[in-house]
Structure formats: structure tokens, C-alpha cells
PDB file of all heavy atoms in Angstrom:
ATOM      1  N   TYR A   1      18.470  26.922   8.544  1.00  0.00           N
ATOM      2  CA  TYR A   1      17.775  27.077   9.823  1.00  0.00           C
ATOM      3  C   TYR A   1      16.296  27.317   9.530  1.00  0.00           C
ATOM      4  O   TYR A   1      15.926  28.338   8.950  1.00  0.00           O
ATOM      5  CB  TYR A   1      18.322  28.259  10.626  1.00  0.00           C
ATOM      6  CG  TYR A   1      19.781  28.155  10.971  1.00  0.00           C
ATOM      7  CD1 TYR A   1      20.746  28.777  10.191  1.00  0.00           C
ATOM      8  CD2 TYR A   1      20.207  27.428  12.090  1.00  0.00           C
ATOM      9  CE1 TYR A   1      22.093  28.687  10.505  1.00  0.00           C
ATOM     10  CE2 TYR A   1      21.562  27.318  12.395  1.00  0.00           C
ATOM     11  CZ  TYR A   1      22.493  27.950  11.601  1.00  0.00           C
ATOM     12  OH  TYR A   1      23.836  27.846  11.907  1.00  0.00           O
ATOM     13  N   LEU A   2      15.456  26.364   9.929  1.00  0.00           N
ATOM     14  CA  LEU A   2      14.021  26.460   9.669  1.00  0.00           C
ATOM     15  C   LEU A   2      13.277  26.661  10.977  1.00  0.00           C
ATOM     16  O   LEU A   2      13.346  25.824  11.874  1.00  0.00           O
ATOM     17  CB  LEU A   2      13.521  25.177   8.986  1.00  0.00           C
ATOM     18  CG  LEU A   2      12.016  25.115   8.703  1.00  0.00           C
ATOM     19  CD1 LEU A   2      11.598  26.213   7.727  1.00  0.00           C
ATOM     20  CD2 LEU A   2      11.616  23.735   8.159  1.00  0.00           C
ATOM     21  N   PHE A   3      12.575  27.788  11.095  1.00  0.00           N
ATOM     22  CA  PHE A   3      11.817  28.126  12.287  1.00  0.00           C
ATOM     23  C   PHE A   3      10.329  27.915  12.018  1.00  0.00           C
ATOM     24  O   PHE A   3       9.766  28.561  11.130  1.00  0.00           O
ATOM     25  CB  PHE A   3      12.044  29.586  12.681  1.00  0.00           C
ATOM     26  CG  PHE A   3      13.448  29.891  13.105  1.00  0.00           C
ATOM     27  CD1 PHE A   3      14.421  30.219  12.167  1.00  0.00           C
ATOM     28  CD2 PHE A   3      13.805  29.851  14.449  1.00  0.00           C
ATOM     29  CE1 PHE A   3      15.729  30.507  12.553  1.00  0.00           C
ATOM     30  CE2 PHE A   3      15.112  30.130  14.844  1.00  0.00           C
ATOM     31  CZ  PHE A   3      16.074  30.462  13.895  1.00  0.00           C
ATOM     32  N   VAL A   4       9.700  27.020  12.779  1.00  0.00           N
ATOM     33  CA  VAL A   4       8.267  26.760  12.622  1.00  0.00           C
ATOM     34  C   VAL A   4       7.596  26.637  13.980  1.00  0.00           C
ATOM     35  O   VAL A   4       8.232  26.226  14.958  1.00  0.00           O
ATOM     36  CB  VAL A   4       8.002  25.471  11.810  1.00  0.00           C
ATOM     37  CG1 VAL A   4       8.376  25.648  10.352  1.00  0.00           C
ATOM     38  CG2 VAL A   4       8.728  24.276  12.400  1.00  0.00           C
ATOM     39  N   ASN A   5       6.313  26.999  14.043  1.00  0.00           N
ATOM     40  CA  ASN A   5       5.517  26.672  15.217  1.00  0.00           C
ATOM     41  C   ASN A   5       4.828  25.334  14.973  1.00  0.00           C
ATOM     42  O   ASN A   5       5.016  24.716  13.909  1.00  0.00           O
ATOM     43  CB  ASN A   5       4.530  27.792  15.545  1.00  0.00           C
ATOM     44  CG  ASN A   5       3.545  28.073  14.409  1.00  0.00           C
ATOM     45  OD1 ASN A   5       3.249  27.202  13.591  1.00  0.00           O
ATOM     46  ND2 ASN A   5       3.040  29.291  14.362  1.00  0.00           N
ATOM     47  N   GLU A   6       4.038  24.885  15.910  1.00  0.00           N
ATOM     48  CA  GLU A   6       3.429  23.562  15.782  1.00  0.00           C
ATOM     49  C   GLU A   6       2.515  23.450  14.564  1.00  0.00           C
ATOM     50  O   GLU A   6       2.522  22.436  13.855  1.00  0.00           O
ATOM     51  CB  GLU A   6       2.632  23.224  17.045  1.00  0.00           C
ATOM     52  CG  GLU A   6       3.497  22.762  18.196  1.00  0.00           C
ATOM     53  CD  GLU A   6       2.683  22.304  19.375  1.00  0.00           C
ATOM     54  OE1 GLU A   6       2.251  23.177  20.165  1.00  0.00           O
ATOM     55  OE2 GLU A   6       2.450  21.091  19.519  1.00  0.00           O
ATOM     56  N   THR A   7       1.715  24.493  14.321  1.00  0.00           N
ATOM     57  CA  THR A   7       0.798  24.461  13.184  1.00  0.00           C
ATOM     58  C   THR A   7       1.562  24.364  11.873  1.00  0.00           C
ATOM     59  O   THR A   7       1.245  23.536  11.012  1.00  0.00           O
ATOM     60  CB  THR A   7      -0.083  25.721  13.172  1.00  0.00           C
ATOM     61  OG1 THR A   7      -0.845  25.782  14.385  1.00  0.00           O
ATOM     62  CG2 THR A   7      -1.042  25.711  11.990  1.00  0.00           C
ATOM     63  N   GLU A   8       2.584  25.187  11.720  1.00  0.00           N
ATOM     64  CA  GLU A   8       3.390  25.157  10.497  1.00  0.00           C
ATOM     65  C   GLU A   8       4.151  23.836  10.377  1.00  0.00           C
ATOM     66  O   GLU A   8       4.257  23.270   9.292  1.00  0.00           O
ATOM     67  CB  GLU A   8       4.360  26.338  10.512  1.00  0.00           C
ATOM     68  CG  GLU A   8       3.670  27.684  10.425  1.00  0.00           C
ATOM     69  CD  GLU A   8       4.489  28.829  11.021  1.00  0.00           C
ATOM     70  OE1 GLU A   8       5.578  28.559  11.594  1.00  0.00           O
ATOM     71  OE2 GLU A   8       4.032  29.978  10.919  1.00  0.00           O
ATOM     72  N   GLY A   9       4.664  23.354  11.506  1.00  0.00           N
ATOM     73  CA  GLY A   9       5.375  22.087  11.495  1.00  0.00           C
ATOM     74  C   GLY A   9       4.492  20.928  11.056  1.00  0.00           C
ATOM     75  O   GLY A   9       4.919  20.047  10.292  1.00  0.00           O
ATOM     76  N   THR A  10       3.240  20.935  11.511  1.00  0.00           N
ATOM     77  CA  THR A  10       2.297  19.899  11.108  1.00  0.00           C
ATOM     78  C   THR A  10       1.948  20.001   9.632  1.00  0.00           C
ATOM     79  O   THR A  10       1.862  18.989   8.919  1.00  0.00           O
ATOM     80  CB  THR A  10       1.011  19.997  11.959  1.00  0.00           C
ATOM     81  OG1 THR A  10       1.332  19.718  13.324  1.00  0.00           O
ATOM     82  CG2 THR A  10      -0.040  18.999  11.489  1.00  0.00           C
ATOM     83  N   GLN A  11       1.772  21.233   9.145  1.00  0.00           N
ATOM     84  CA  GLN A  11       1.485  21.424   7.725  1.00  0.00           C
ATOM     85  C   GLN A  11       2.597  20.882   6.847  1.00  0.00           C
ATOM     86  O   GLN A  11       2.344  20.306   5.793  1.00  0.00           O
ATOM     87  CB  GLN A  11       1.282  22.910   7.428  1.00  0.00           C
ATOM     88  CG  GLN A  11      -0.036  23.484   7.922  1.00  0.00           C
ATOM     89  CD  GLN A  11      -0.143  24.972   7.643  1.00  0.00           C
ATOM     90  OE1 GLN A  11       0.432  25.791   8.360  1.00  0.00           O
ATOM     91  NE2 GLN A  11      -0.847  25.320   6.598  1.00  0.00           N
ATOM     92  N   LEU A  12       3.832  21.043   7.288  1.00  0.00           N
ATOM     93  CA  LEU A  12       4.962  20.608   6.481  1.00  0.00           C
ATOM     94  C   LEU A  12       5.259  19.117   6.619  1.00  0.00           C
ATOM     95  O   LEU A  12       5.709  18.474   5.672  1.00  0.00           O
ATOM     96  CB  LEU A  12       6.212  21.409   6.861  1.00  0.00           C
ATOM     97  CG  LEU A  12       6.261  22.861   6.431  1.00  0.00           C
ATOM     98  CD1 LEU A  12       7.464  23.566   7.028  1.00  0.00           C
ATOM     99  CD2 LEU A  12       6.306  22.970   4.904  1.00  0.00           C
ATOM    100  N   SER A  13       5.033  18.578   7.814  1.00  0.00           N
ATOM    101  CA  SER A  13       5.452  17.196   8.088  1.00  0.00           C
ATOM    102  C   SER A  13       4.329  16.184   8.042  1.00  0.00           C
ATOM    103  O   SER A  13       4.563  14.991   7.864  1.00  0.00           O
ATOM    104  CB  SER A  13       6.107  17.128   9.476  1.00  0.00           C
ATOM    105  OG  SER A  13       5.141  17.360  10.492  1.00  0.00           O
ATOM    106  N   GLY A  14       3.085  16.653   8.274  1.00  0.00           N
ATOM    107  CA  GLY A  14       1.964  15.724   8.390  1.00  0.00           C
ATOM    108  C   GLY A  14       1.906  15.063   9.757  1.00  0.00           C
ATOM    109  O   GLY A  14       1.068  14.190   9.993  1.00  0.00           O
ATOM    110  N   LYS A  15       2.778  15.461  10.666  1.00  0.00           N
ATOM    111  CA  LYS A  15       2.833  14.907  12.016  1.00  0.00           C
ATOM    112  C   LYS A  15       2.301  15.929  13.026  1.00  0.00           C
ATOM    113  O   LYS A  15       2.300  17.126  12.763  1.00  0.00           O
ATOM    114  CB  LYS A  15       4.260  14.528  12.400  1.00  0.00           C
ATOM    115  CG  LYS A  15       4.971  13.625  11.392  1.00  0.00           C
ATOM    116  CD  LYS A  15       4.330  12.258  11.309  1.00  0.00           C
ATOM    117  CE  LYS A  15       5.110  11.364  10.345  1.00  0.00           C
ATOM    118  NZ  LYS A  15       4.516  10.004  10.214  1.00  0.00           N
ATOM    119  N   GLU A  16       1.870  15.437  14.185  1.00  0.00           N
ATOM    120  CA  GLU A  16       1.363  16.335  15.218  1.00  0.00           C
ATOM    121  C   GLU A  16       2.226  16.347  16.475  1.00  0.00           C
ATOM    122  O   GLU A  16       2.266  17.339  17.196  1.00  0.00           O
ATOM    123  CB  GLU A  16      -0.078  15.965  15.578  1.00  0.00           C
ATOM    124  CG  GLU A  16      -1.057  16.174  14.432  1.00  0.00           C
ATOM    125  CD  GLU A  16      -2.494  15.952  14.848  1.00  0.00           C
ATOM    126  OE1 GLU A  16      -2.729  15.603  16.022  1.00  0.00           O
ATOM    127  OE2 GLU A  16      -3.384  16.138  13.994  1.00  0.00           O
ATOM    128  N   GLU A  17       2.911  15.263  16.763  1.00  0.00           N
ATOM    129  CA  GLU A  17       3.738  15.182  17.957  1.00  0.00           C
ATOM    130  C   GLU A  17       5.045  15.933  17.687  1.00  0.00           C
ATOM    131  O   GLU A  17       5.671  15.750  16.637  1.00  0.00           O
ATOM    132  CB  GLU A  17       4.006  13.722  18.289  1.00  0.00           C
ATOM    133  CG  GLU A  17       4.525  13.479  19.705  1.00  0.00           C
ATOM    134  CD  GLU A  17       6.024  13.664  19.772  1.00  0.00           C
ATOM    135  OE1 GLU A  17       6.704  13.307  18.795  1.00  0.00           O
ATOM    136  OE2 GLU A  17       6.515  14.161  20.810  1.00  0.00           O
ATOM    137  N   PRO A  18       5.475  16.808  18.609  1.00  0.00           N
ATOM    138  CA  PRO A  18       6.632  17.674  18.348  1.00  0.00           C
ATOM    139  C   PRO A  18       7.892  16.957  17.884  1.00  0.00           C
ATOM    140  O   PRO A  18       8.532  17.371  16.910  1.00  0.00           O
ATOM    141  CB  PRO A  18       6.839  18.371  19.698  1.00  0.00           C
ATOM    142  CG  PRO A  18       5.469  18.446  20.282  1.00  0.00           C
ATOM    143  CD  PRO A  18       4.809  17.160  19.885  1.00  0.00           C
ATOM    144  N   GLU A  19       8.289  15.872  18.569  1.00  0.00           N
ATOM    145  CA  GLU A  19       9.513  15.180  18.162  1.00  0.00           C
ATOM    146  C   GLU A  19       9.360  14.579  16.777  1.00  0.00           C
ATOM    147  O   GLU A  19      10.306  14.582  15.976  1.00  0.00           O
ATOM    148  CB  GLU A  19       9.877  14.105  19.182  1.00  0.00           C
ATOM    149  CG  GLU A  19      10.425  14.664  20.478  1.00  0.00           C
ATOM    150  CD  GLU A  19      11.208  13.617  21.261  1.00  0.00           C
ATOM    151  OE1 GLU A  19      11.537  12.552  20.680  1.00  0.00           O
ATOM    152  OE2 GLU A  19      11.510  13.871  22.438  1.00  0.00           O
ATOM    153  N   ALA A  20       8.169  14.095  16.467  1.00  0.00           N
ATOM    154  CA  ALA A  20       7.922  13.507  15.154  1.00  0.00           C
ATOM    155  C   ALA A  20       7.992  14.584  14.066  1.00  0.00           C
ATOM    156  O   ALA A  20       8.487  14.332  12.958  1.00  0.00           O
ATOM    157  CB  ALA A  20       6.555  12.825  15.125  1.00  0.00           C
ATOM    158  N   ILE A  21       7.502  15.786  14.370  1.00  0.00           N
ATOM    159  CA  ILE A  21       7.604  16.899  13.423  1.00  0.00           C
ATOM    160  C   ILE A  21       9.070  17.165  13.102  1.00  0.00           C
ATOM    161  O   ILE A  21       9.465  17.239  11.939  1.00  0.00           O
ATOM    162  CB  ILE A  21       6.945  18.165  14.007  1.00  0.00           C
ATOM    163  CG1 ILE A  21       5.426  17.994  14.086  1.00  0.00           C
ATOM    164  CG2 ILE A  21       7.293  19.390  13.150  1.00  0.00           C
ATOM    165  CD1 ILE A  21       4.716  19.141  14.793  1.00  0.00           C
ATOM    166  N   CYS A  22       9.881  17.321  14.139  1.00  0.00           N
ATOM    167  CA  CYS A  22      11.298  17.634  13.957  1.00  0.00           C
ATOM    168  C   CYS A  22      12.031  16.552  13.181  1.00  0.00           C
ATOM    169  O   CYS A  22      12.777  16.835  12.227  1.00  0.00           O
ATOM    170  CB  CYS A  22      11.975  17.847  15.313  1.00  0.00           C
ATOM    171  SG  CYS A  22      11.462  19.336  16.181  1.00  0.00           S
ATOM    172  N   ARG A  23      11.839  15.304  13.573  1.00  0.00           N
ATOM    173  CA  ARG A  23      12.558  14.208  12.933  1.00  0.00           C
ATOM    174  C   ARG A  23      12.123  14.049  11.460  1.00  0.00           C
ATOM    175  O   ARG A  23      12.964  13.798  10.584  1.00  0.00           O
ATOM    176  CB  ARG A  23      12.332  12.912  13.691  1.00  0.00           C
ATOM    177  CG  ARG A  23      12.956  12.924  15.085  1.00  0.00           C
ATOM    178  CD  ARG A  23      12.769  11.606  15.798  1.00  0.00           C
ATOM    179  NE  ARG A  23      13.203  11.683  17.187  1.00  0.00           N
ATOM    180  CZ  ARG A  23      14.468  11.600  17.589  1.00  0.00           C
ATOM    181  NH1 ARG A  23      15.425  11.411  16.686  1.00  0.00           N
ATOM    182  NH2 ARG A  23      14.787  11.691  18.874  1.00  0.00           N
ATOM    183  N   THR A  24      10.836  14.205  11.195  1.00  0.00           N
ATOM    184  CA  THR A  24      10.342  14.070   9.828  1.00  0.00           C
ATOM    185  C   THR A  24      10.926  15.151   8.919  1.00  0.00           C
ATOM    186  O   THR A  24      11.381  14.866   7.804  1.00  0.00           O
ATOM    187  CB  THR A  24       8.811  14.151   9.803  1.00  0.00           C
ATOM    188  OG1 THR A  24       8.260  13.080  10.591  1.00  0.00           O
ATOM    189  CG2 THR A  24       8.277  14.050   8.381  1.00  0.00           C
ATOM    190  N   LEU A  25      10.940  16.383   9.399  1.00  0.00           N
ATOM    191  CA  LEU A  25      11.474  17.483   8.597  1.00  0.00           C
ATOM    192  C   LEU A  25      12.982  17.349   8.402  1.00  0.00           C
ATOM    193  O   LEU A  25      13.509  17.635   7.317  1.00  0.00           O
ATOM    194  CB  LEU A  25      11.142  18.825   9.259  1.00  0.00           C
ATOM    195  CG  LEU A  25       9.646  19.157   9.371  1.00  0.00           C
ATOM    196  CD1 LEU A  25       9.446  20.530   9.994  1.00  0.00           C
ATOM    197  CD2 LEU A  25       8.961  19.101   8.003  1.00  0.00           C
ATOM    198  N   ALA A  26      13.676  16.893   9.438  1.00  0.00           N
ATOM    199  CA  ALA A  26      15.126  16.715   9.331  1.00  0.00           C
ATOM    200  C   ALA A  26      15.479  15.592   8.353  1.00  0.00           C
ATOM    201  O   ALA A  26      16.481  15.674   7.642  1.00  0.00           O
ATOM    202  CB  ALA A  26      15.712  16.424  10.700  1.00  0.00           C
ATOM    203  N   GLU A  27      14.664  14.560   8.321  1.00  0.00           N
ATOM    204  CA  GLU A  27      14.894  13.470   7.373  1.00  0.00           C
ATOM    205  C   GLU A  27      14.633  13.938   5.937  1.00  0.00           C
ATOM    206  O   GLU A  27      15.325  13.528   5.005  1.00  0.00           O
ATOM    207  CB  GLU A  27      13.992  12.289   7.717  1.00  0.00           C
ATOM    208  CG  GLU A  27      14.398  11.548   8.982  1.00  0.00           C
ATOM    209  CD  GLU A  27      13.390  10.482   9.392  1.00  0.00           C
ATOM    210  OE1 GLU A  27      12.415  10.277   8.618  1.00  0.00           O
ATOM    211  OE2 GLU A  27      13.559   9.871  10.462  1.00  0.00           O
ATOM    212  N   ARG A  28      13.640  14.809   5.792  1.00  0.00           N
ATOM    213  CA  ARG A  28      13.299  15.309   4.461  1.00  0.00           C
ATOM    214  C   ARG A  28      14.350  16.261   3.929  1.00  0.00           C
ATOM    215  O   ARG A  28      14.660  16.272   2.751  1.00  0.00           O
ATOM    216  CB  ARG A  28      11.934  16.003   4.505  1.00  0.00           C
ATOM    217  CG  ARG A  28      11.401  16.439   3.144  1.00  0.00           C
ATOM    218  CD  ARG A  28       9.999  17.005   3.274  1.00  0.00           C
ATOM    219  NE  ARG A  28       9.102  16.036   3.881  1.00  0.00           N
ATOM    220  CZ  ARG A  28       7.882  16.331   4.334  1.00  0.00           C
ATOM    221  NH1 ARG A  28       7.443  17.581   4.284  1.00  0.00           N
ATOM    222  NH2 ARG A  28       7.123  15.395   4.865  1.00  0.00           N
ATOM    223  N   TRP A  29      14.889  17.095   4.842  1.00  0.00           N
ATOM    224  CA  TRP A  29      15.892  18.098   4.435  1.00  0.00           C
ATOM    225  C   TRP A  29      17.153  17.943   5.287  1.00  0.00           C
ATOM    226  O   TRP A  29      17.406  18.706   6.225  1.00  0.00           O
ATOM    227  CB  TRP A  29      15.306  19.505   4.575  1.00  0.00           C
ATOM    228  CG  TRP A  29      14.053  19.662   3.762  1.00  0.00           C
ATOM    229  CD1 TRP A  29      13.904  19.462   2.420  1.00  0.00           C
ATOM    230  CD2 TRP A  29      12.764  20.044   4.252  1.00  0.00           C
ATOM    231  NE1 TRP A  29      12.606  19.696   2.033  1.00  0.00           N
ATOM    232  CE2 TRP A  29      11.873  20.064   3.132  1.00  0.00           C
ATOM    233  CE3 TRP A  29      12.255  20.393   5.499  1.00  0.00           C
ATOM    234  CZ2 TRP A  29      10.530  20.395   3.243  1.00  0.00           C
ATOM    235  CZ3 TRP A  29      10.917  20.731   5.618  1.00  0.00           C
ATOM    236  CH2 TRP A  29      10.069  20.727   4.497  1.00  0.00           C
ATOM    237  N   PRO A  30      17.981  16.947   4.972  1.00  0.00           N
ATOM    238  CA  PRO A  30      19.206  16.686   5.747  1.00  0.00           C
ATOM    239  C   PRO A  30      20.106  17.924   5.765  1.00  0.00           C
ATOM    240  O   PRO A  30      20.236  18.624   4.767  1.00  0.00           O
ATOM    241  CB  PRO A  30      19.863  15.536   4.974  1.00  0.00           C
ATOM    242  CG  PRO A  30      18.750  14.896   4.230  1.00  0.00           C
ATOM    243  CD  PRO A  30      17.808  15.989   3.868  1.00  0.00           C
ATOM    244  N   GLY A  31      20.709  18.161   6.909  1.00  0.00           N
ATOM    245  CA  GLY A  31      21.592  19.311   7.036  1.00  0.00           C
ATOM    246  C   GLY A  31      20.905  20.562   7.522  1.00  0.00           C
ATOM    247  O   GLY A  31      21.560  21.562   7.822  1.00  0.00           O
ATOM    248  N   CYS A  32      19.567  20.525   7.587  1.00  0.00           N
ATOM    249  CA  CYS A  32      18.801  21.672   8.069  1.00  0.00           C
ATOM    250  C   CYS A  32      18.565  21.545   9.568  1.00  0.00           C
ATOM    251  O   CYS A  32      18.156  20.494  10.057  1.00  0.00           O
ATOM    252  CB  CYS A  32      17.462  21.755   7.338  1.00  0.00           C
ATOM    253  SG  CYS A  32      16.426  23.152   7.855  1.00  0.00           S
ATOM    254  N   CYS A  33      18.823  22.620  10.305  1.00  0.00           N
ATOM    255  CA  CYS A  33      18.501  22.658  11.739  1.00  0.00           C
ATOM    256  C   CYS A  33      17.049  23.056  11.882  1.00  0.00           C
ATOM    257  O   CYS A  33      16.636  24.131  11.414  1.00  0.00           O
ATOM    258  CB  CYS A  33      19.407  23.648  12.454  1.00  0.00           C
ATOM    259  SG  CYS A  33      19.042  23.865  14.212  1.00  0.00           S
ATOM    260  N   ILE A  34      16.248  22.206  12.517  1.00  0.00           N
ATOM    261  CA  ILE A  34      14.823  22.466  12.706  1.00  0.00           C
ATOM    262  C   ILE A  34      14.602  23.070  14.086  1.00  0.00           C
ATOM    263  O   ILE A  34      14.955  22.453  15.104  1.00  0.00           O
ATOM    264  CB  ILE A  34      13.995  21.168  12.574  1.00  0.00           C
ATOM    265  CG1 ILE A  34      14.375  20.400  11.299  1.00  0.00           C
ATOM    266  CG2 ILE A  34      12.510  21.483  12.629  1.00  0.00           C
ATOM    267  CD1 ILE A  34      14.118  21.134  10.010  1.00  0.00           C
ATOM    268  N   ILE A  35      14.003  24.242  14.141  1.00  0.00           N
ATOM    269  CA  ILE A  35      13.692  24.886  15.416  1.00  0.00           C
ATOM    270  C   ILE A  35      12.171  24.995  15.525  1.00  0.00           C
ATOM    271  O   ILE A  35      11.533  25.654  14.702  1.00  0.00           O
ATOM    272  CB  ILE A  35      14.340  26.285  15.527  1.00  0.00           C
ATOM    273  CG1 ILE A  35      15.856  26.187  15.337  1.00  0.00           C
ATOM    274  CG2 ILE A  35      14.012  26.903  16.895  1.00  0.00           C
ATOM    275  CD1 ILE A  35      16.310  26.546  13.948  1.00  0.00           C
ATOM    276  N   LEU A  36      11.609  24.318  16.515  1.00  0.00           N
ATOM    277  CA  LEU A  36      10.158  24.245  16.690  1.00  0.00           C
ATOM    278  C   LEU A  36       9.754  24.948  17.967  1.00  0.00           C
ATOM    279  O   LEU A  36      10.216  24.616  19.060  1.00  0.00           O
ATOM    280  CB  LEU A  36       9.723  22.778  16.747  1.00  0.00           C
ATOM    281  CG  LEU A  36       8.226  22.492  17.001  1.00  0.00           C
ATOM    282  CD1 LEU A  36       7.384  22.977  15.815  1.00  0.00           C
ATOM    283  CD2 LEU A  36       7.995  21.003  17.236  1.00  0.00           C
ATOM    284  N   THR A  37       8.886  25.960  17.837  1.00  0.00           N
ATOM    285  CA  THR A  37       8.401  26.677  19.025  1.00  0.00           C
ATOM    286  C   THR A  37       7.063  26.084  19.452  1.00  0.00           C
ATOM    287  O   THR A  37       6.215  25.751  18.624  1.00  0.00           O
ATOM    288  CB  THR A  37       8.249  28.176  18.741  1.00  0.00           C
ATOM    289  OG1 THR A  37       7.394  28.393  17.613  1.00  0.00           O
ATOM    290  CG2 THR A  37       9.605  28.802  18.463  1.00  0.00           C
ATOM    291  N   LEU A  38       6.897  25.972  20.777  1.00  0.00           N
ATOM    292  CA  LEU A  38       5.736  25.269  21.328  1.00  0.00           C
ATOM    293  C   LEU A  38       4.930  26.140  22.305  1.00  0.00           C
ATOM    294  O   LEU A  38       4.223  25.625  23.157  1.00  0.00           O
ATOM    295  CB  LEU A  38       6.212  24.006  22.062  1.00  0.00           C
ATOM    296  CG  LEU A  38       7.002  23.006  21.208  1.00  0.00           C
ATOM    297  CD1 LEU A  38       7.672  21.975  22.092  1.00  0.00           C
ATOM    298  CD2 LEU A  38       6.109  22.347  20.181  1.00  0.00           C
ATOM    299  N   GLY A  39       5.037  27.454  22.193  1.00  0.00           N
ATOM    300  CA  GLY A  39       4.279  28.332  23.066  1.00  0.00           C
ATOM    301  C   GLY A  39       4.688  28.174  24.520  1.00  0.00           C
ATOM    302  O   GLY A  39       5.872  28.199  24.860  1.00  0.00           O
ATOM    303  N   THR A  40       3.713  27.982  25.372  1.00  0.00           N
ATOM    304  CA  THR A  40       3.985  27.859  26.805  1.00  0.00           C
ATOM    305  C   THR A  40       4.715  26.580  27.165  1.00  0.00           C
ATOM    306  O   THR A  40       5.206  26.441  28.290  1.00  0.00           O
ATOM    307  CB  THR A  40       2.676  27.936  27.607  1.00  0.00           C
ATOM    308  OG1 THR A  40       1.795  26.886  27.165  1.00  0.00           O
ATOM    309  CG2 THR A  40       1.996  29.285  27.413  1.00  0.00           C
ATOM    310  N   ARG A  41       4.836  25.650  26.205  1.00  0.00           N
ATOM    311  CA  ARG A  41       5.553  24.394  26.452  1.00  0.00           C
ATOM    312  C   ARG A  41       7.020  24.472  26.023  1.00  0.00           C
ATOM    313  O   ARG A  41       7.714  23.477  26.043  1.00  0.00           O
ATOM    314  CB  ARG A  41       4.840  23.238  25.774  1.00  0.00           C
ATOM    315  CG  ARG A  41       3.495  22.898  26.428  1.00  0.00           C
ATOM    316  CD  ARG A  41       2.795  21.761  25.711  1.00  0.00           C
ATOM    317  NE  ARG A  41       2.307  22.176  24.394  1.00  0.00           N
ATOM    318  CZ  ARG A  41       2.609  21.563  23.264  1.00  0.00           C
ATOM    319  NH1 ARG A  41       3.405  20.507  23.264  1.00  0.00           N
ATOM    320  NH2 ARG A  41       2.120  21.988  22.120  1.00  0.00           N
ATOM    321  N   GLY A  42       7.448  25.660  25.628  1.00  0.00           N
ATOM    322  CA  GLY A  42       8.856  25.850  25.331  1.00  0.00           C
ATOM    323  C   GLY A  42       9.194  25.723  23.863  1.00  0.00           C
ATOM    324  O   GLY A  42       8.432  26.149  22.985  1.00  0.00           O
ATOM    325  N   ALA A  43      10.341  25.122  23.570  1.00  0.00           N
ATOM    326  CA  ALA A  43      10.824  25.005  22.197  1.00  0.00           C
ATOM    327  C   ALA A  43      11.794  23.834  22.109  1.00  0.00           C
ATOM    328  O   ALA A  43      12.248  23.306  23.132  1.00  0.00           O
ATOM    329  CB  ALA A  43      11.527  26.295  21.778  1.00  0.00           C
ATOM    330  N   MET A  44      12.103  23.433  20.898  1.00  0.00           N
ATOM    331  CA  MET A  44      13.112  22.387  20.693  1.00  0.00           C
ATOM    332  C   MET A  44      13.852  22.622  19.390  1.00  0.00           C
ATOM    333  O   MET A  44      13.339  23.301  18.486  1.00  0.00           O
ATOM    334  CB  MET A  44      12.474  20.985  20.698  1.00  0.00           C
ATOM    335  CG  MET A  44      11.346  20.786  19.731  1.00  0.00           C
ATOM    336  SD  MET A  44      10.711  19.057  19.757  1.00  0.00           S
ATOM    337  CE  MET A  44      10.370  18.824  21.483  1.00  0.00           C
ATOM    338  N   ALA A  45      15.054  22.098  19.344  1.00  0.00           N
ATOM    339  CA  ALA A  45      15.868  22.176  18.128  1.00  0.00           C
ATOM    340  C   ALA A  45      16.386  20.779  17.804  1.00  0.00           C
ATOM    341  O   ALA A  45      16.837  20.060  18.699  1.00  0.00           O
ATOM    342  CB  ALA A  45      17.031  23.149  18.321  1.00  0.00           C
TER     343      ALA A  45
END
């Protein structure tokens, strides 16, 4: 279970769009649940 905010997600993935961050990290680490927090815009898993 990997918990990241947008800044951390971008640092790890090289992507800026939330869905692209999640998909890139999931492809890199298969089997890991990616949880991305987006502040006032909510969150995604």
C-alpha cells in the first residue's frame, strides 16, 4: 500500500495528471495498491 500526494506521485512517476501517476506507479510495481491524495479534489486508489 503506497500513499502519496500529488507532489510525491509526480516525483516517483514523472507524470502530473493524477490517473497517469497512479497507472505509471502500478505498472512499475505490480501488486501494489496506489493511494493518491489530491487535497480539496479528493483522492483515488
